[in-house]
Amino acid sequence: MIKAFIVSRKHPRMISLLANQNRRDAIVNKLSHFRDLDPRWAHRLLPSIHNASAIEELLRSKGAPTICYAISEDSSIDGRFLPLIDALTTADSGFGTFLSCIPGRLAYFEGEDGRFLLEKH
């Protein structure tokens, strides 16, 4: 997900920090203010799609399975595989969150600056 949807200059540091459980918080705790999405693949969602069920429907229409992987400020879902609707409902509570649906091809990001469909064809 990092190599697919984050600007390339941030790849080494993010991958290193996320892989180290003791340093993971350095990235995770800043996700609500995250601004390093690659603009080629990040598509801002319209306000009409700002609820968990509408976002789930959109992701499922693009091939997302029912289970996703979360990287989130919310420790209850961070680093876990869980049902997509549960992850979206939790992310809707204001935590910065990445949800990987199809590795390297389809993901979702939510932070204070908006909600984004992350998609590569």
Protein backbone atom coordinates (compact mmCIF):
# COMPACT_ATOMS: atom_id res chain seq x y z
CA MET A 1 0.00 0.00 0.00
CA ILE A 2 2.81 2.42 0.83
CA LYS A 3 4.66 1.91 -2.45
CA ALA A 4 1.44 2.10 -4.44
CA PHE A 5 -0.26 5.18 -2.98
CA ILE A 6 2.29 7.32 -1.13
CA VAL A 7 4.73 9.76 -2.77
CA SER A 8 8.00 7.93 -3.45
CA ARG A 9 10.27 10.14 -1.32
CA LYS A 10 8.42 8.87 1.78
CA HIS A 11 8.58 5.13 1.00
CA PRO A 12 11.78 4.13 2.84
CA ARG A 13 10.98 5.94 6.08
CA MET A 14 7.33 4.88 6.24
CA ILE A 15 8.08 1.24 5.48
CA SER A 16 10.85 1.18 8.07
CA LEU A 17 8.73 2.77 10.80
CA LEU A 18 5.65 0.66 10.12
CA ALA A 19 7.69 -2.55 10.18
CA ASN A 20 9.15 -1.74 13.61
CA GLN A 21 6.47 -2.19 16.28
CA ASN A 22 8.39 0.08 18.69
CA ARG A 23 8.51 2.95 16.17
CA ARG A 24 5.18 2.38 14.37
CA ASP A 25 3.50 5.12 16.43
CA ALA A 26 5.74 7.74 14.78
CA ILE A 27 3.68 7.26 11.60
CA VAL A 28 0.35 6.03 12.91
CA ASN A 29 -0.14 8.92 15.36
CA LYS A 30 0.15 11.44 12.50
CA LEU A 31 -2.31 9.88 10.06
CA SER A 32 -5.12 12.36 10.70
CA HIS A 33 -2.84 15.08 9.25
CA PHE A 34 -1.26 12.91 6.54
CA ARG A 35 -0.56 14.79 3.30
CA ASP A 36 1.69 12.46 1.32
CA LEU A 37 -0.82 10.63 -0.87
CA ASP A 38 0.33 10.31 -4.47
CA PRO A 39 -2.08 12.64 -6.33
CA ARG A 40 -2.03 10.37 -9.40
CA TRP A 41 -3.96 7.71 -7.49
CA ALA A 42 -5.83 9.61 -4.76
CA HIS A 43 -9.39 10.60 -5.68
CA ARG A 44 -11.22 12.80 -3.17
CA LEU A 45 -14.68 11.49 -2.36
CA LEU A 46 -17.65 13.80 -2.69
CA PRO A 47 -19.51 14.71 0.53
CA SER A 48 -22.45 12.61 -0.65
CA ILE A 49 -20.24 9.52 -0.21
CA HIS A 50 -19.11 10.36 3.33
CA ASN A 51 -20.72 7.50 5.23
CA ALA A 52 -19.50 3.98 5.85
CA SER A 53 -22.15 2.14 3.84
CA ALA A 54 -21.74 4.37 0.75
CA ILE A 55 -17.95 4.02 0.87
CA GLU A 56 -18.25 0.26 1.30
CA GLU A 57 -20.57 0.10 -1.72
CA LEU A 58 -18.08 2.12 -3.79
CA LEU A 59 -15.12 -0.05 -2.77
CA ARG A 60 -17.07 -3.28 -3.32
CA SER A 61 -18.11 -2.06 -6.81
CA LYS A 62 -14.39 -1.77 -7.61
CA GLY A 63 -13.68 -5.32 -6.48
CA ALA A 64 -12.92 -4.95 -2.77
CA PRO A 65 -13.41 -8.13 -0.76
CA THR A 66 -15.32 -8.15 2.52
CA ILE A 67 -12.05 -8.14 4.53
CA CYS A 68 -9.44 -5.36 4.54
CA TYR A 69 -6.19 -4.53 6.33
CA ALA A 70 -6.06 -1.38 8.48
CA ILE A 71 -3.31 1.04 9.39
CA SER A 72 -4.97 3.47 11.77
CA GLU A 73 -4.61 5.91 14.64
CA ASP A 74 -7.34 3.84 16.27
CA SER A 75 -5.44 1.08 18.08
CA SER A 76 -8.52 -1.16 18.06
CA ILE A 77 -8.13 -1.72 14.30
CA ASP A 78 -4.48 -0.83 13.57
CA GLY A 79 -2.48 -3.67 12.08
CA ARG A 80 -5.50 -5.95 11.79
CA PHE A 81 -7.48 -7.67 9.07
CA LEU A 82 -11.18 -7.06 9.65
CA PRO A 83 -14.53 -6.75 7.88
CA LEU A 84 -14.54 -3.74 5.56
CA ILE A 85 -17.76 -2.28 6.98
CA ASP A 86 -16.42 -2.52 10.55
CA ALA A 87 -13.20 -0.77 9.55
CA LEU A 88 -15.10 1.98 7.71
CA THR A 89 -17.44 2.52 10.65
CA THR A 90 -14.48 2.85 13.04
CA ALA A 91 -12.58 5.14 10.66
CA ASP A 92 -15.65 7.37 10.46
CA SER A 93 -15.04 8.39 14.07
CA GLY A 94 -12.30 10.84 13.07
CA PHE A 95 -9.15 8.71 13.21
CA GLY A 96 -6.61 8.86 10.39
CA THR A 97 -6.92 5.49 8.68
CA PHE A 98 -5.69 3.55 5.65
CA LEU A 99 -7.66 0.49 4.55
CA SER A 100 -6.01 -1.82 2.05
CA CYS A 101 -8.61 -3.69 0.02
CA ILE A 102 -6.63 -5.09 -2.91
CA PRO A 103 -2.89 -4.78 -2.19
CA GLY A 104 -1.26 -2.24 -4.49
CA ARG A 105 -4.49 -1.64 -6.43
CA LEU A 106 -7.34 -0.47 -4.21
CA ALA A 107 -7.41 1.27 -0.84
CA TYR A 108 -9.18 3.95 1.15
CA PHE A 109 -7.77 6.77 3.25
CA GLU A 110 -9.52 9.05 5.69
CA GLY A 111 -7.94 11.95 7.53
CA GLU A 112 -8.76 15.49 8.60
CA ASP A 113 -8.20 16.74 5.06
CA GLY A 114 -10.76 14.43 3.50
CA ARG A 115 -11.66 10.96 2.36
CA PHE A 116 -9.95 9.40 -0.62
CA LEU A 117 -10.37 6.43 -2.89
CA LEU A 118 -6.88 5.16 -3.72
CA GLU A 119 -6.92 3.24 -6.98
CA LYS A 120 -4.45 2.01 -9.57
CA HIS A 121 -5.63 0.33 -12.75
